[in-house]
PDB file of N, CA and C in Angstrom:
ATOM      1  N   MET A   1       1.005  -1.039  -0.068  1.00  0.00           N
ATOM      2  CA  MET A   1       0.163  -0.038   0.154  1.00  0.00           C
ATOM      3  C   MET A   1       0.847   1.010  -0.173  1.00  0.00           C
ATOM      4  N   SER A   2       1.185   1.817  -1.116  1.00  0.00           N
ATOM      5  CA  SER A   2       1.724   2.889  -1.331  1.00  0.00           C
ATOM      6  C   SER A   2       0.691   4.335  -0.845  1.00  0.00           C
ATOM      7  N   SER A   3       1.543   5.230  -0.551  1.00  0.00           N
ATOM      8  CA  SER A   3       0.832   6.589   0.086  1.00  0.00           C
ATOM      9  C   SER A   3       1.364   7.611  -1.006  1.00  0.00           C
ATOM     10  N   ASN A   4       0.763   8.747  -1.285  1.00  0.00           N
ATOM     11  CA  ASN A   4       1.352   9.836  -2.006  1.00  0.00           C
ATOM     12  C   ASN A   4       0.969  11.377  -0.876  1.00  0.00           C
ATOM     13  N   ILE A   5       1.303  11.026   0.272  1.00  0.00           N
ATOM     14  CA  ILE A   5       1.300  12.035   1.342  1.00  0.00           C
ATOM     15  C   ILE A   5       2.363  12.803   0.783  1.00  0.00           C
ATOM     16  N   LYS A   6       2.077  14.306   1.115  1.00  0.00           N
ATOM     17  CA  LYS A   6       3.436  15.019   1.091  1.00  0.00           C
ATOM     18  C   LYS A   6       2.972  16.188   2.201  1.00  0.00           C
ATOM     19  N   ILE A   7       3.834  16.161   3.307  1.00  0.00           N
ATOM     20  CA  ILE A   7       3.693  17.121   4.211  1.00  0.00           C
ATOM     21  C   ILE A   7       4.650  18.072   4.575  1.00  0.00           C
ATOM     22  N   THR A   8       4.624  19.102   4.967  1.00  0.00           N
ATOM     23  CA  THR A   8       5.596  20.243   5.063  1.00  0.00           C
ATOM     24  C   THR A   8       6.036  19.824   6.268  1.00  0.00           C
ATOM     25  N   LYS A   9       7.265  19.894   6.517  1.00  0.00           N
ATOM     26  CA  LYS A   9       8.105  19.815   8.073  1.00  0.00           C
ATOM     27  C   LYS A   9       8.916  20.645   7.847  1.00  0.00           C
ATOM     28  N   ILE A  10       9.699  20.269   9.347  1.00  0.00           N
ATOM     29  CA  ILE A  10      10.716  21.306   9.449  1.00  0.00           C
ATOM     30  C   ILE A  10      11.760  20.507  10.216  1.00  0.00           C
ATOM     31  N   CYS A  11      13.071  20.595   9.705  1.00  0.00           N
ATOM     32  CA  CYS A  11      14.261  19.503  10.088  1.00  0.00           C
ATOM     33  C   CYS A  11      14.407  20.099  11.251  1.00  0.00           C
ATOM     34  N   GLU A  12      14.703  18.552  12.312  1.00  0.00           N
ATOM     35  CA  GLU A  12      14.542  18.794  13.447  1.00  0.00           C
ATOM     36  C   GLU A  12      16.409  19.306  13.788  1.00  0.00           C
ATOM     37  N   TYR A  13      17.142  19.024  13.247  1.00  0.00           N
ATOM     38  CA  TYR A  13      18.549  19.288  13.011  1.00  0.00           C
ATOM     39  C   TYR A  13      18.694  20.919  12.499  1.00  0.00           C
ATOM     40  N   CYS A  14      18.704  20.977  11.149  1.00  0.00           N
ATOM     41  CA  CYS A  14      19.120  22.705  10.630  1.00  0.00           C
ATOM     42  C   CYS A  14      17.615  23.258  10.882  1.00  0.00           C
ATOM     43  N   ASP A  15      16.621  23.050  10.916  1.00  0.00           N
ATOM     44  CA  ASP A  15      15.504  23.995  11.056  1.00  0.00           C
ATOM     45  C   ASP A  15      14.910  24.731   9.377  1.00  0.00           C
ATOM     46  N   LYS A  16      15.396  23.541   8.496  1.00  0.00           N
ATOM     47  CA  LYS A  16      14.781  23.921   7.380  1.00  0.00           C
ATOM     48  C   LYS A  16      13.801  23.412   7.216  1.00  0.00           C
ATOM     49  N   GLU A  17      12.598  23.957   6.208  1.00  0.00           N
ATOM     50  CA  GLU A  17      11.615  23.341   5.656  1.00  0.00           C
ATOM     51  C   GLU A  17      11.873  22.470   4.863  1.00  0.00           C
ATOM     52  N   PHE A  18      10.836  21.308   4.598  1.00  0.00           N
ATOM     53  CA  PHE A  18      11.169  20.140   3.653  1.00  0.00           C
ATOM     54  C   PHE A  18       9.904  19.598   3.208  1.00  0.00           C
ATOM     55  N   ILE A  19       9.839  18.509   2.580  1.00  0.00           N
ATOM     56  CA  ILE A  19       8.425  17.704   2.256  1.00  0.00           C
ATOM     57  C   ILE A  19       9.038  16.824   2.477  1.00  0.00           C
ATOM     58  N   ALA A  20       8.163  16.158   3.498  1.00  0.00           N
ATOM     59  CA  ALA A  20       8.092  14.802   3.724  1.00  0.00           C
ATOM     60  C   ALA A  20       7.328  13.859   3.459  1.00  0.00           C
ATOM     61  N   LYS A  21       7.430  12.635   3.134  1.00  0.00           N
ATOM     62  CA  LYS A  21       6.719  11.385   2.274  1.00  0.00           C
ATOM     63  C   LYS A  21       5.952  10.655   3.403  1.00  0.00           C
ATOM     64  N   THR A  22       6.388  10.697   4.854  1.00  0.00           N
ATOM     65  CA  THR A  22       5.687  10.007   5.843  1.00  0.00           C
ATOM     66  C   THR A  22       5.412  11.230   7.220  1.00  0.00           C
ATOM     67  N   THR A  23       4.223  10.601   8.091  1.00  0.00           N
ATOM     68  CA  THR A  23       4.436  11.578   9.282  1.00  0.00           C
ATOM     69  C   THR A  23       5.457  11.263  10.271  1.00  0.00           C
ATOM     70  N   THR A  24       6.212  10.381  10.080  1.00  0.00           N
ATOM     71  CA  THR A  24       7.255  10.381  11.059  1.00  0.00           C
ATOM     72  C   THR A  24       8.602  10.888  10.787  1.00  0.00           C
ATOM     73  N   THR A  25       8.986  11.294   9.474  1.00  0.00           N
ATOM     74  CA  THR A  25      10.340  11.740   9.182  1.00  0.00           C
ATOM     75  C   THR A  25      10.608  12.658  10.145  1.00  0.00           C
ATOM     76  N   ARG A  26      11.421  12.809  10.378  1.00  0.00           N
ATOM     77  CA  ARG A  26      12.118  13.929  11.158  1.00  0.00           C
ATOM     78  C   ARG A  26      13.378  14.744  10.798  1.00  0.00           C
ATOM     79  N   PHE A  27      13.988  14.412  10.042  1.00  0.00           N
ATOM     80  CA  PHE A  27      14.864  15.334   9.365  1.00  0.00           C
ATOM     81  C   PHE A  27      14.760  15.588   7.759  1.00  0.00           C
ATOM     82  N   CYS A  28      15.800  16.206   7.095  1.00  0.00           N
ATOM     83  CA  CYS A  28      15.581  16.629   6.035  1.00  0.00           C
ATOM     84  C   CYS A  28      16.295  15.874   4.855  1.00  0.00           C
ATOM     85  N   SER A  29      17.324  15.255   5.326  1.00  0.00           N
ATOM     86  CA  SER A  29      18.328  14.531   4.887  1.00  0.00           C
ATOM     87  C   SER A  29      19.053  13.414   5.658  1.00  0.00           C
ATOM     88  N   HIS A  30      19.786  12.310   5.110  1.00  0.00           N
ATOM     89  CA  HIS A  30      20.692  11.229   5.687  1.00  0.00           C
ATOM     90  C   HIS A  30      21.743  12.324   6.774  1.00  0.00           C
ATOM     91  N   ALA A  31      22.037  13.038   5.870  1.00  0.00           N
ATOM     92  CA  ALA A  31      23.287  13.875   6.655  1.00  0.00           C
ATOM     93  C   ALA A  31      22.558  14.393   7.896  1.00  0.00           C
ATOM     94  N   CYS A  32      21.321  14.950   7.930  1.00  0.00           N
ATOM     95  CA  CYS A  32      21.128  15.793   9.188  1.00  0.00           C
ATOM     96  C   CYS A  32      20.767  14.707  10.220  1.00  0.00           C
ATOM     97  N   ASN A  33      20.138  13.341   9.407  1.00  0.00           N
ATOM     98  CA  ASN A  33      20.185  12.419  10.896  1.00  0.00           C
ATOM     99  C   ASN A  33      20.937  12.070  11.139  1.00  0.00           C
ATOM    100  N   SER A  34      22.330  11.773  10.519  1.00  0.00           N
ATOM    101  CA  SER A  34      23.506  10.963  10.867  1.00  0.00           C
ATOM    102  C   SER A  34      23.923  12.564  12.138  1.00  0.00           C
ATOM    103  N   LYS A  35      24.019  13.766  11.713  1.00  0.00           N
ATOM    104  CA  LYS A  35      24.614  14.806  12.641  1.00  0.00           C
ATOM    105  C   LYS A  35      24.065  14.817  13.583  1.00  0.00           C
ATOM    106  N   ASP A  36      22.227  14.754  13.979  1.00  0.00           N
ATOM    107  CA  ASP A  36      21.760  14.807  15.003  1.00  0.00           C
ATOM    108  C   ASP A  36      22.293  13.409  15.924  1.00  0.00           C
ATOM    109  N   TYR A  37      22.274  12.306  15.322  1.00  0.00           N
ATOM    110  CA  TYR A  37      22.714  10.852  16.148  1.00  0.00           C
ATOM    111  C   TYR A  37      23.691  11.301  16.659  1.00  0.00           C
ATOM    112  N   LYS A  38      25.029  11.627  15.897  1.00  0.00           N
ATOM    113  CA  LYS A  38      26.352  12.040  16.569  1.00  0.00           C
ATOM    114  C   LYS A  38      26.196  12.892  17.693  1.00  0.00           C
ATOM    115  N   LYS A  39      25.746  14.149  17.662  1.00  0.00           N
ATOM    116  CA  LYS A  39      25.294  15.056  18.399  1.00  0.00           C
ATOM    117  C   LYS A  39      24.794  14.374  19.870  1.00  0.00           C
ATOM    118  N   ARG A  40      23.744  13.376  19.791  1.00  0.00           N
ATOM    119  CA  ARG A  40      23.196  12.944  21.091  1.00  0.00           C
ATOM    120  C   ARG A  40      24.118  11.923  21.836  1.00  0.00           C
ATOM    121  N   ILE A  41      25.155  11.011  20.995  1.00  0.00           N
ATOM    122  CA  ILE A  41      25.785  10.272  21.943  1.00  0.00           C
ATOM    123  C   ILE A  41      26.793  10.838  22.331  1.00  0.00           C
ATOM    124  N   LYS A  42      27.359  12.271  21.629  1.00  0.00           N
ATOM    125  CA  LYS A  42      28.312  12.699  22.435  1.00  0.00           C
ATOM    126  C   LYS A  42      27.593  13.521  23.789  1.00  0.00           C
ATOM    127  N   ALA A  43      26.336  13.917  23.369  1.00  0.00           N
ATOM    128  CA  ALA A  43      25.848  14.418  25.126  1.00  0.00           C
ATOM    129  C   ALA A  43      25.722  13.296  25.610  1.00  0.00           C
ATOM    130  N   LYS A  44      25.134  12.125  25.238  1.00  0.00           N
ATOM    131  CA  LYS A  44      25.233  10.802  26.515  1.00  0.00           C
ATOM    132  C   LYS A  44      26.449  10.703  27.204  1.00  0.00           C
ATOM    133  N   LYS A  45      27.605  10.403  26.285  1.00  0.00           N
ATOM    134  CA  LYS A  45      29.127  10.416  26.852  1.00  0.00           C
ATOM    135  C   LYS A  45      29.365  11.263  27.804  1.00  0.00           C
ATOM    136  N   VAL A  46      29.069  12.996  27.355  1.00  0.00           N
ATOM    137  CA  VAL A  46      29.294  13.909  28.224  1.00  0.00           C
ATOM    138  C   VAL A  46      28.465  13.630  29.389  1.00  0.00           C
ATOM    139  N   GLY A  47      27.655  13.334  29.485  1.00  0.00           N
ATOM    140  CA  GLY A  47      26.190  13.362  30.604  1.00  0.00           C
ATOM    141  C   GLY A  47      26.842  11.983  31.494  1.00  0.00           C
ATOM    142  N   LYS A  48      27.556  11.047  30.794  1.00  0.00           N
ATOM    143  CA  LYS A  48      27.955   9.920  31.559  1.00  0.00           C
ATOM    144  C   LYS A  48      29.357  10.496  32.586  1.00  0.00           C
ATOM    145  N   THR A  49      30.009  11.096  31.453  1.00  0.00           N
ATOM    146  CA  THR A  49      31.487  11.580  32.273  1.00  0.00           C
ATOM    147  C   THR A  49      30.872  12.797  33.416  1.00  0.00           C
ATOM    148  N   ILE A  50      30.357  13.550  33.279  1.00  0.00           N
ATOM    149  CA  ILE A  50      29.677  14.234  33.986  1.00  0.00           C
ATOM    150  C   ILE A  50      29.443  13.683  35.582  1.00  0.00           C
ATOM    151  N   ARG A  51      28.619  12.784  35.620  1.00  0.00           N
ATOM    152  CA  ARG A  51      28.288  11.887  36.507  1.00  0.00           C
ATOM    153  C   ARG A  51      28.938  11.293  37.090  1.00  0.00           C
ATOM    154  N   LYS A  52      30.383  10.569  36.372  1.00  0.00           N
ATOM    155  CA  LYS A  52      31.166  10.110  37.489  1.00  0.00           C
ATOM    156  C   LYS A  52      32.086  10.811  37.790  1.00  0.00           C
ATOM    157  N   THR A  53      32.227  12.087  37.742  1.00  0.00           N
ATOM    158  CA  THR A  53      33.079  13.006  38.154  1.00  0.00           C
ATOM    159  C   THR A  53      32.184  13.586  39.267  1.00  0.00           C
ATOM    160  N   ASN A  54      30.948  13.610  39.299  1.00  0.00           N
ATOM    161  CA  ASN A  54      30.082  14.052  40.536  1.00  0.00           C
ATOM    162  C   ASN A  54      30.132  13.040  41.786  1.00  0.00           C
ATOM    163  N   ILE A  55      30.321  11.687  41.255  1.00  0.00           N
ATOM    164  CA  ILE A  55      30.184  10.650  41.958  1.00  0.00           C
ATOM    165  C   ILE A  55      31.598  10.778  42.516  1.00  0.00           C
ATOM    166  N   GLN A  56      32.909  10.942  41.725  1.00  0.00           N
ATOM    167  CA  GLN A  56      34.397  11.141  42.552  1.00  0.00           C
ATOM    168  C   GLN A  56      34.213  12.385  43.792  1.00  0.00           C
ATOM    169  N   LYS A  57      33.717  13.384  43.332  1.00  0.00           N
ATOM    170  CA  LYS A  57      33.433  14.636  44.254  1.00  0.00           C
ATOM    171  C   LYS A  57      33.105  13.835  45.505  1.00  0.00           C
ATOM    172  N   ILE A  58      31.510  13.143  45.344  1.00  0.00           N
ATOM    173  CA  ILE A  58      31.127  12.410  46.362  1.00  0.00           C
ATOM    174  C   ILE A  58      31.987  12.035  47.491  1.00  0.00           C
ATOM    175  N   LEU A  59      33.117  11.090  46.690  1.00  0.00           N
ATOM    176  CA  LEU A  59      33.740  10.076  47.325  1.00  0.00           C
ATOM    177  C   LEU A  59      34.836  10.830  48.050  1.00  0.00           C
ATOM    178  N   LEU A  60      35.185  12.009  47.538  1.00  0.00           N
ATOM    179  CA  LEU A  60      36.290  12.853  47.915  1.00  0.00           C
ATOM    180  C   LEU A  60      35.877  13.717  49.629  1.00  0.00           C
ATOM    181  N   SER A  61      34.465  14.175  49.152  1.00  0.00           N
ATOM    182  CA  SER A  61      33.726  14.671  50.024  1.00  0.00           C
ATOM    183  C   SER A  61      33.722  13.882  51.410  1.00  0.00           C
ATOM    184  N   GLU A  62      33.502  12.451  50.971  1.00  0.00           N
ATOM    185  CA  GLU A  62      33.259  11.843  52.194  1.00  0.00           C
ATOM    186  C   GLU A  62      34.283  11.055  53.118  1.00  0.00           C
ATOM    187  N   GLU A  63      35.684  11.217  51.939  1.00  0.00           N
ATOM    188  CA  GLU A  63      36.972  10.923  52.958  1.00  0.00           C
ATOM    189  C   GLU A  63      37.446  12.338  53.710  1.00  0.00           C
ATOM    190  N   ILE A  64      36.994  13.206  53.396  1.00  0.00           N
ATOM    191  CA  ILE A  64      37.299  14.486  54.169  1.00  0.00           C
ATOM    192  C   ILE A  64      36.315  14.478  55.742  1.00  0.00           C
ATOM    193  N   ASN A  65      35.080  14.015  55.138  1.00  0.00           N
ATOM    194  CA  ASN A  65      33.810  13.870  56.258  1.00  0.00           C
ATOM    195  C   ASN A  65      34.733  12.833  57.396  1.00  0.00           C
ATOM    196  N   HIS A  66      35.332  11.659  56.735  1.00  0.00           N
ATOM    197  CA  HIS A  66      36.071  10.947  57.749  1.00  0.00           C
ATOM    198  C   HIS A  66      36.717  11.315  58.364  1.00  0.00           C
ATOM    199  N   GLU A  67      37.893  11.818  58.001  1.00  0.00           N
ATOM    200  CA  GLU A  67      38.637  13.048  59.046  1.00  0.00           C
ATOM    201  C   GLU A  67      37.967  13.456  60.075  1.00  0.00           C
ATOM    202  N   ILE A  68      36.920  14.363  59.820  1.00  0.00           N
ATOM    203  CA  ILE A  68      35.962  14.748  60.989  1.00  0.00           C
ATOM    204  C   ILE A  68      35.534  14.108  61.846  1.00  0.00           C
ATOM    205  N   VAL A  69      35.017  13.022  61.491  1.00  0.00           N
ATOM    206  CA  VAL A  69      34.545  11.975  62.107  1.00  0.00           C
ATOM    207  C   VAL A  69      35.364  11.738  63.480  1.00  0.00           C
ATOM    208  N   LYS A  70      36.597  11.218  62.741  1.00  0.00           N
ATOM    209  CA  LYS A  70      37.318  10.413  63.783  1.00  0.00           C
ATOM    210  C   LYS A  70      38.251  11.691  64.967  1.00  0.00           C
ATOM    211  N   GLN A  71      37.789  12.796  64.935  1.00  0.00           N
ATOM    212  CA  GLN A  71      38.034  13.809  66.097  1.00  0.00           C
ATOM    213  C   GLN A  71      36.845  14.169  66.603  1.00  0.00           C
ATOM    214  N   LYS A  72      35.393  13.555  66.624  1.00  0.00           N
ATOM    215  CA  LYS A  72      34.430  13.950  67.133  1.00  0.00           C
ATOM    216  C   LYS A  72      34.321  12.865  68.509  1.00  0.00           C
ATOM    217  N   ALA A  73      33.638  13.411  69.564  1.00  0.00           N
ATOM    218  CA  ALA A  73      33.561  12.344  71.048  1.00  0.00           C
ATOM    219  C   ALA A  73      32.419  11.631  70.719  1.00  0.00           C
ATOM    220  N   PHE A  74      31.372  12.333  70.407  1.00  0.00           N
ATOM    221  CA  PHE A  74      30.195  11.470  70.396  1.00  0.00           C
ATOM    222  C   PHE A  74      29.988  11.413  68.457  1.00  0.00           C
ATOM    223  N   LEU A  75      29.559  10.110  68.350  1.00  0.00           N
ATOM    224  CA  LEU A  75      28.933   9.953  66.891  1.00  0.00           C
ATOM    225  C   LEU A  75      27.383   9.180  66.528  1.00  0.00           C
ATOM    226  N   SER A  76      27.103   9.270  65.500  1.00  0.00           N
ATOM    227  CA  SER A  76      25.758   8.966  64.884  1.00  0.00           C
ATOM    228  C   SER A  76      25.813   7.567  64.591  1.00  0.00           C
ATOM    229  N   ILE A  77      25.003   6.592  64.381  1.00  0.00           N
ATOM    230  CA  ILE A  77      25.142   5.628  64.036  1.00  0.00           C
ATOM    231  C   ILE A  77      25.581   5.452  62.668  1.00  0.00           C
ATOM    232  N   LYS A  78      25.361   6.070  61.454  1.00  0.00           N
ATOM    233  CA  LYS A  78      25.502   6.234  60.363  1.00  0.00           C
ATOM    234  C   LYS A  78      27.081   6.184  60.509  1.00  0.00           C
ATOM    235  N   GLU A  79      27.461   7.511  60.992  1.00  0.00           N
ATOM    236  CA  GLU A  79      28.810   8.081  61.626  1.00  0.00           C
ATOM    237  C   GLU A  79      30.032   6.724  61.659  1.00  0.00           C
ATOM    238  N   ALA A  80      29.300   6.290  62.818  1.00  0.00           N
ATOM    239  CA  ALA A  80      30.311   4.926  63.465  1.00  0.00           C
ATOM    240  C   ALA A  80      30.054   3.962  62.548  1.00  0.00           C
ATOM    241  N   HIS A  81      29.281   3.589  61.794  1.00  0.00           N
ATOM    242  CA  HIS A  81      29.222   2.463  61.227  1.00  0.00           C
ATOM    243  C   HIS A  81      30.116   2.463  59.777  1.00  0.00           C
ATOM    244  N   LYS A  82      30.073   3.916  59.259  1.00  0.00           N
ATOM    245  CA  LYS A  82      31.170   4.034  58.718  1.00  0.00           C
ATOM    246  C   LYS A  82      32.256   4.152  58.847  1.00  0.00           C
ATOM    247  N   LEU A  83      32.724   4.861  59.922  1.00  0.00           N
ATOM    248  CA  LEU A  83      34.025   4.668  60.337  1.00  0.00           C
ATOM    249  C   LEU A  83      34.703   3.164  60.562  1.00  0.00           C
ATOM    250  N   ILE A  84      33.470   2.502  60.902  1.00  0.00           N
ATOM    251  CA  ILE A  84      34.340   0.928  61.633  1.00  0.00           C
ATOM    252  C   ILE A  84      34.394   0.167  60.160  1.00  0.00           C
ATOM    253  N   GLY A  85      33.296   0.461  59.237  1.00  0.00           N
ATOM    254  CA  GLY A  85      33.552  -0.114  58.194  1.00  0.00           C
ATOM    255  C   GLY A  85      32.407  -1.401  57.968  1.00  0.00           C
ATOM    256  N   LEU A  86      31.609  -1.037  58.710  1.00  0.00           N
ATOM    257  CA  LEU A  86      30.370  -2.331  58.815  1.00  0.00           C
ATOM    258  C   LEU A  86      29.123  -1.889  58.344  1.00  0.00           C
ATOM    259  N   SER A  87      28.245  -2.769  57.866  1.00  0.00           N
ATOM    260  CA  SER A  87      26.999  -2.335  57.463  1.00  0.00           C
ATOM    261  C   SER A  87      26.006  -1.879  58.273  1.00  0.00           C
ATOM    262  N   GLU A  88      25.126  -1.176  58.127  1.00  0.00           N
ATOM    263  CA  GLU A  88      24.319  -0.459  59.171  1.00  0.00           C
ATOM    264  C   GLU A  88      23.732  -1.751  59.826  1.00  0.00           C
ATOM    265  N   SER A  89      22.841  -2.539  59.224  1.00  0.00           N
ATOM    266  CA  SER A  89      22.226  -3.569  60.118  1.00  0.00           C
ATOM    267  C   SER A  89      23.203  -4.405  60.678  1.00  0.00           C
ATOM    268  N   THR A  90      24.358  -4.533  60.604  1.00  0.00           N
ATOM    269  CA  THR A  90      25.270  -5.053  61.162  1.00  0.00           C
ATOM    270  C   THR A  90      25.816  -4.281  62.549  1.00  0.00           C
ATOM    271  N   PHE A  91      26.189  -3.070  62.388  1.00  0.00           N
ATOM    272  CA  PHE A  91      26.169  -2.274  63.433  1.00  0.00           C
ATOM    273  C   PHE A  91      24.925  -2.161  64.692  1.00  0.00           C
ATOM    274  N   TYR A  92      23.536  -2.331  64.143  1.00  0.00           N
ATOM    275  CA  TYR A  92      22.421  -2.548  65.049  1.00  0.00           C
ATOM    276  C   TYR A  92      22.679  -3.648  65.941  1.00  0.00           C
ATOM    277  N   ARG A  93      23.053  -5.041  64.974  1.00  0.00           N
ATOM    278  CA  ARG A  93      22.963  -6.094  65.570  1.00  0.00           C
ATOM    279  C   ARG A  93      23.764  -6.181  66.874  1.00  0.00           C
ATOM    280  N   LEU A  94      25.158  -5.681  66.428  1.00  0.00           N
ATOM    281  CA  LEU A  94      26.092  -5.134  67.541  1.00  0.00           C
ATOM    282  C   LEU A  94      25.192  -4.468  68.923  1.00  0.00           C
ATOM    283  N   MET A  95      24.758  -3.425  68.361  1.00  0.00           N
ATOM    284  CA  MET A  95      24.203  -2.519  69.341  1.00  0.00           C
ATOM    285  C   MET A  95      23.113  -3.383  70.315  1.00  0.00           C
ATOM    286  N   LYS A  96      22.505  -4.175  69.730  1.00  0.00           N
ATOM    287  CA  LYS A  96      21.212  -5.291  70.501  1.00  0.00           C
ATOM    288  C   LYS A  96      21.817  -6.221  71.385  1.00  0.00           C
ATOM    289  N   LYS A  97      22.789  -6.810  70.565  1.00  0.00           N
ATOM    290  CA  LYS A  97      23.971  -7.574  71.717  1.00  0.00           C
ATOM    291  C   LYS A  97      24.434  -7.161  72.627  1.00  0.00           C
ATOM    292  N   GLY A  98      24.828  -5.698  72.803  1.00  0.00           N
ATOM    293  CA  GLY A  98      25.451  -5.510  73.981  1.00  0.00           C
ATOM    294  C   GLY A  98      27.013  -5.038  73.534  1.00  0.00           C
ATOM    295  N   VAL A  99      27.289  -5.459  72.420  1.00  0.00           N
ATOM    296  CA  VAL A  99      28.839  -5.500  72.061  1.00  0.00           C
ATOM    297  C   VAL A  99      28.831  -3.846  72.146  1.00  0.00           C
ATOM    298  N   ILE A 100      28.202  -3.090  71.535  1.00  0.00           N
ATOM    299  CA  ILE A 100      28.374  -1.515  71.452  1.00  0.00           C
ATOM    300  C   ILE A 100      27.310  -0.954  72.121  1.00  0.00           C
ATOM    301  N   SER A 101      27.682  -0.274  73.522  1.00  0.00           N
ATOM    302  CA  SER A 101      26.662   0.470  74.058  1.00  0.00           C
ATOM    303  C   SER A 101      26.556   2.048  73.694  1.00  0.00           C
ATOM    304  N   TYR A 102      25.400   2.287  73.798  1.00  0.00           N
ATOM    305  CA  TYR A 102      24.805   3.599  72.888  1.00  0.00           C
ATOM    306  C   TYR A 102      23.892   4.273  74.272  1.00  0.00           C
ATOM    307  N   SER A 103      23.647   5.556  74.098  1.00  0.00           N
ATOM    308  CA  SER A 103      22.713   6.437  74.538  1.00  0.00           C
ATOM    309  C   SER A 103      21.650   7.194  73.779  1.00  0.00           C
ATOM    310  N   LYS A 104      20.863   7.406  74.344  1.00  0.00           N
ATOM    311  CA  LYS A 104      19.639   7.960  73.205  1.00  0.00           C
ATOM    312  C   LYS A 104      19.081   9.195  73.808  1.00  0.00           C
ATOM    313  N   ILE A 105      19.233  10.415  72.964  1.00  0.00           N
ATOM    314  CA  ILE A 105      18.806  11.821  73.438  1.00  0.00           C
ATOM    315  C   ILE A 105      17.944  12.168  72.794  1.00  0.00           C
ATOM    316  N   GLY A 106      16.603  12.002  73.209  1.00  0.00           N
ATOM    317  CA  GLY A 106      15.319  12.007  72.825  1.00  0.00           C
ATOM    318  C   GLY A 106      15.351  11.058  71.341  1.00  0.00           C
ATOM    319  N   LYS A 107      14.983  11.492  69.846  1.00  0.00           N
ATOM    320  CA  LYS A 107      15.309   9.958  69.417  1.00  0.00           C
ATOM    321  C   LYS A 107      16.384   9.664  68.669  1.00  0.00           C
ATOM    322  N   ARG A 108      17.547  10.709  68.774  1.00  0.00           N
ATOM    323  CA  ARG A 108      18.664  10.457  68.585  1.00  0.00           C
ATOM    324  C   ARG A 108      19.329   9.336  69.214  1.00  0.00           C
ATOM    325  N   THR A 109      20.292   8.578  68.665  1.00  0.00           N
ATOM    326  CA  THR A 109      21.210   7.344  69.296  1.00  0.00           C
ATOM    327  C   THR A 109      22.118   7.738  68.668  1.00  0.00           C
ATOM    328  N   ILE A 110      23.254   8.313  69.930  1.00  0.00           N
ATOM    329  CA  ILE A 110      24.619   8.236  70.026  1.00  0.00           C
ATOM    330  C   ILE A 110      25.317   7.463  70.641  1.00  0.00           C
ATOM    331  N   ILE A 111      26.663   7.364  69.842  1.00  0.00           N
ATOM    332  CA  ILE A 111      27.764   6.496  70.708  1.00  0.00           C
ATOM    333  C   ILE A 111      29.070   7.231  71.049  1.00  0.00           C
ATOM    334  N   LYS A 112      29.885   6.928  72.338  1.00  0.00           N
ATOM    335  CA  LYS A 112      30.821   7.253  72.320  1.00  0.00           C
ATOM    336  C   LYS A 112      31.959   6.818  71.257  1.00  0.00           C
ATOM    337  N   ARG A 113      32.822   7.668  71.006  1.00  0.00           N
ATOM    338  CA  ARG A 113      34.178   7.639  70.287  1.00  0.00           C
ATOM    339  C   ARG A 113      34.794   6.477  70.978  1.00  0.00           C
ATOM    340  N   SER A 114      35.053   6.595  72.206  1.00  0.00           N
ATOM    341  CA  SER A 114      35.702   5.480  73.246  1.00  0.00           C
ATOM    342  C   SER A 114      35.336   4.385  72.670  1.00  0.00           C
ATOM    343  N   GLU A 115      33.799   3.941  73.020  1.00  0.00           N
ATOM    344  CA  GLU A 115      33.221   2.841  72.558  1.00  0.00           C
ATOM    345  C   GLU A 115      33.506   2.292  71.029  1.00  0.00           C
ATOM    346  N   ILE A 116      33.835   3.030  70.296  1.00  0.00           N
ATOM    347  CA  ILE A 116      34.355   2.002  68.864  1.00  0.00           C
ATOM    348  C   ILE A 116      35.454   2.175  68.766  1.00  0.00           C
ATOM    349  N   ASP A 117      36.816   2.912  69.623  1.00  0.00           N
ATOM    350  CA  ASP A 117      37.877   2.436  70.110  1.00  0.00           C
ATOM    351  C   ASP A 117      38.141   1.129  70.652  1.00  0.00           C
ATOM    352  N   LYS A 118      37.356   1.021  71.579  1.00  0.00           N
ATOM    353  CA  LYS A 118      37.534  -0.156  72.497  1.00  0.00           C
ATOM    354  C   LYS A 118      36.932  -1.307  71.601  1.00  0.00           C
ATOM    355  N   LEU A 119      36.021  -0.996  70.454  1.00  0.00           N
ATOM    356  CA  LEU A 119      35.843  -2.276  70.037  1.00  0.00           C
ATOM    357  C   LEU A 119      36.757  -2.839  68.509  1.00  0.00           C
ATOM    358  N   LEU A 120      37.386  -1.567  68.144  1.00  0.00           N
ATOM    359  CA  LEU A 120      38.655  -2.104  67.251  1.00  0.00           C
ATOM    360  C   LEU A 120      40.000  -2.116  68.023  1.00  0.00           C
ATOM    361  N   SER A 121      39.919  -1.858  69.191  1.00  0.00           N
ATOM    362  CA  SER A 121      41.430  -2.820  69.679  1.00  0.00           C
ATOM    363  C   SER A 121      41.509  -4.177  70.335  1.00  0.00           C
TER     364      SER A 121
END
């Protein structure tokens, strides 16, 4: 089934007007199609690189925070389990068994830095 449709459209890459033979045609030529494809691939690669860079920045900031955490007298559960290198669930398990003593202030749970040092030695 052939069609004699002729639709005036605007190319998504070069913004020139052209006559399309189908309703789904987006570009005026194969060259514009290829250039747009290359532009999208490049943008995807640049986006990927930016995400990797942001992850590296976050990891660096966590290392800086790690040094700050080492100097604190009292730690939150999140800070304490990251300092030791345990998962949060394992840390809670140790707290429940009584291996790590903790205090609650309101809804917040804190652990003395000396408890962490005692556990590591």
